[in-house]
Amino acid sequence: MRAIDGFEGQPATHAALKLMAVLFPRPGELRMAEWSEFDLAKAIWTVPEKRMKMRRPHRVPLPTQAVTTLTELQKATGNGKLVFPSVRTVRRPISENTLNAALRRLG
């Protein structure tokens, strides 16, 4: 986690790395997440069936660290639909390569 905390990059990428470490989601499920799926007050993320391998909605309890990370990120990206928008266009999520490259940079 120290390496992730010291990551210097886009806020969405930094937040995605933090959430991957505490939630262990499939990268695609996380990258495509929309703000409407999160209930931060109840600390629940409901991943819709269309993004789940088993085609059933999946409710993920959010630990305090995840709620804090999402609350901070919402200040930067909360006006859009996507939680992790691309730097190039807010209509697309960050790419899987973005996360892979960030992980490689962390060592």
Protein backbone atom coordinates (compact mmCIF):
# COMPACT_ATOMS: atom_id res chain seq x y z
CA MET A 1 0.00 0.00 0.00
CA ARG A 2 2.94 2.35 0.56
CA ALA A 3 3.85 2.10 -3.10
CA ILE A 4 0.26 2.92 -4.10
CA ASP A 5 0.14 5.84 -1.67
CA GLY A 6 3.29 7.22 -3.28
CA PHE A 7 1.93 6.82 -6.83
CA GLU A 8 2.22 9.98 -8.89
CA GLY A 9 -0.34 9.97 -11.66
CA GLN A 10 -3.91 10.80 -12.54
CA PRO A 11 -6.33 10.87 -9.58
CA ALA A 12 -8.63 8.28 -11.19
CA THR A 13 -5.75 5.86 -11.75
CA HIS A 14 -4.48 6.37 -8.20
CA ALA A 15 -7.96 5.72 -6.79
CA ALA A 16 -8.43 2.63 -8.97
CA LEU A 17 -5.16 1.17 -7.67
CA LYS A 18 -6.24 1.80 -4.07
CA LEU A 19 -9.65 0.21 -4.65
CA MET A 20 -8.17 -2.81 -6.41
CA ALA A 21 -6.03 -3.42 -3.33
CA VAL A 22 -8.96 -3.35 -0.87
CA LEU A 23 -11.86 -4.72 -2.97
CA PHE A 24 -10.15 -7.25 -5.31
CA PRO A 25 -12.59 -6.72 -8.22
CA ARG A 26 -12.02 -7.81 -11.79
CA PRO A 27 -10.30 -4.88 -13.51
CA GLY A 28 -13.11 -4.46 -16.06
CA GLU A 29 -15.77 -4.29 -13.36
CA LEU A 30 -13.88 -1.53 -11.61
CA ARG A 31 -12.85 0.45 -14.71
CA MET A 32 -16.45 0.58 -16.01
CA ALA A 33 -17.99 1.55 -12.66
CA GLU A 34 -20.57 4.34 -12.66
CA TRP A 35 -21.37 6.65 -9.77
CA SER A 36 -24.99 5.47 -9.78
CA GLU A 37 -23.82 2.01 -8.64
CA PHE A 38 -22.39 3.31 -5.36
CA ASP A 39 -24.30 4.03 -2.18
CA LEU A 40 -21.54 5.61 -0.12
CA ALA A 41 -23.87 6.29 2.82
CA LYS A 42 -24.60 2.54 3.10
CA ALA A 43 -21.08 1.56 1.96
CA ILE A 44 -22.32 -0.71 -0.85
CA TRP A 45 -21.32 -1.03 -4.50
CA THR A 46 -23.85 -2.85 -6.65
CA VAL A 47 -22.19 -4.11 -9.82
CA PRO A 48 -24.92 -4.63 -12.45
CA GLU A 49 -25.46 -8.02 -14.03
CA LYS A 50 -24.34 -6.80 -17.47
CA ARG A 51 -20.76 -6.50 -16.16
CA MET A 52 -20.71 -9.64 -14.06
CA LYS A 53 -19.34 -12.92 -15.37
CA MET A 54 -22.30 -14.84 -13.89
CA ARG A 55 -24.81 -12.25 -15.22
CA ARG A 56 -26.23 -11.53 -11.76
CA PRO A 57 -25.93 -8.25 -9.84
CA HIS A 58 -23.20 -8.34 -7.23
CA ARG A 59 -23.27 -6.33 -4.02
CA VAL A 60 -19.83 -5.44 -2.70
CA PRO A 61 -19.52 -4.10 0.86
CA LEU A 62 -17.18 -1.12 0.93
CA PRO A 63 -14.61 -0.85 3.73
CA THR A 64 -13.95 2.56 5.23
CA GLN A 65 -10.81 3.00 3.09
CA ALA A 66 -12.86 2.49 -0.09
CA VAL A 67 -15.56 4.96 0.98
CA THR A 68 -12.87 7.55 1.79
CA THR A 69 -11.13 7.01 -1.56
CA LEU A 70 -14.41 7.25 -3.49
CA THR A 71 -15.52 10.36 -1.60
CA GLU A 72 -12.24 12.08 -2.47
CA LEU A 73 -12.41 10.94 -6.10
CA GLN A 74 -16.01 12.12 -6.43
CA LYS A 75 -14.80 15.68 -5.93
CA ALA A 76 -12.63 15.28 -9.06
CA THR A 77 -14.85 13.10 -11.30
CA GLY A 78 -18.28 13.16 -9.68
CA ASN A 79 -19.88 15.39 -12.32
CA GLY A 80 -19.64 12.64 -14.92
CA LYS A 81 -21.25 9.22 -15.19
CA LEU A 82 -18.03 7.20 -14.87
CA VAL A 83 -16.07 6.83 -11.66
CA PHE A 84 -12.81 6.35 -13.58
CA PRO A 85 -13.04 8.46 -16.76
CA SER A 86 -10.29 8.56 -19.33
CA VAL A 87 -8.12 11.67 -19.42
CA ARG A 88 -8.81 11.97 -23.16
CA THR A 89 -12.60 11.72 -23.02
CA VAL A 90 -14.89 11.55 -19.99
CA ARG A 91 -17.30 9.33 -21.94
CA ARG A 92 -14.88 6.39 -21.81
CA PRO A 93 -13.32 4.70 -18.80
CA ILE A 94 -9.61 4.45 -18.20
CA SER A 95 -8.14 1.60 -20.20
CA GLU A 96 -6.94 -1.70 -18.82
CA ASN A 97 -3.51 -0.74 -20.14
CA THR A 98 -3.58 2.34 -17.90
CA LEU A 99 -3.92 0.15 -14.82
CA ASN A 100 -1.37 -2.37 -16.07
CA ALA A 101 1.18 0.38 -16.78
CA ALA A 102 0.56 1.91 -13.34
CA LEU A 103 1.14 -1.47 -11.68
CA ARG A 104 4.38 -1.93 -13.63
CA ARG A 105 5.55 1.53 -12.52
CA LEU A 106 4.91 0.58 -8.90
CA GLY A 107 7.29 -2.35 -9.29
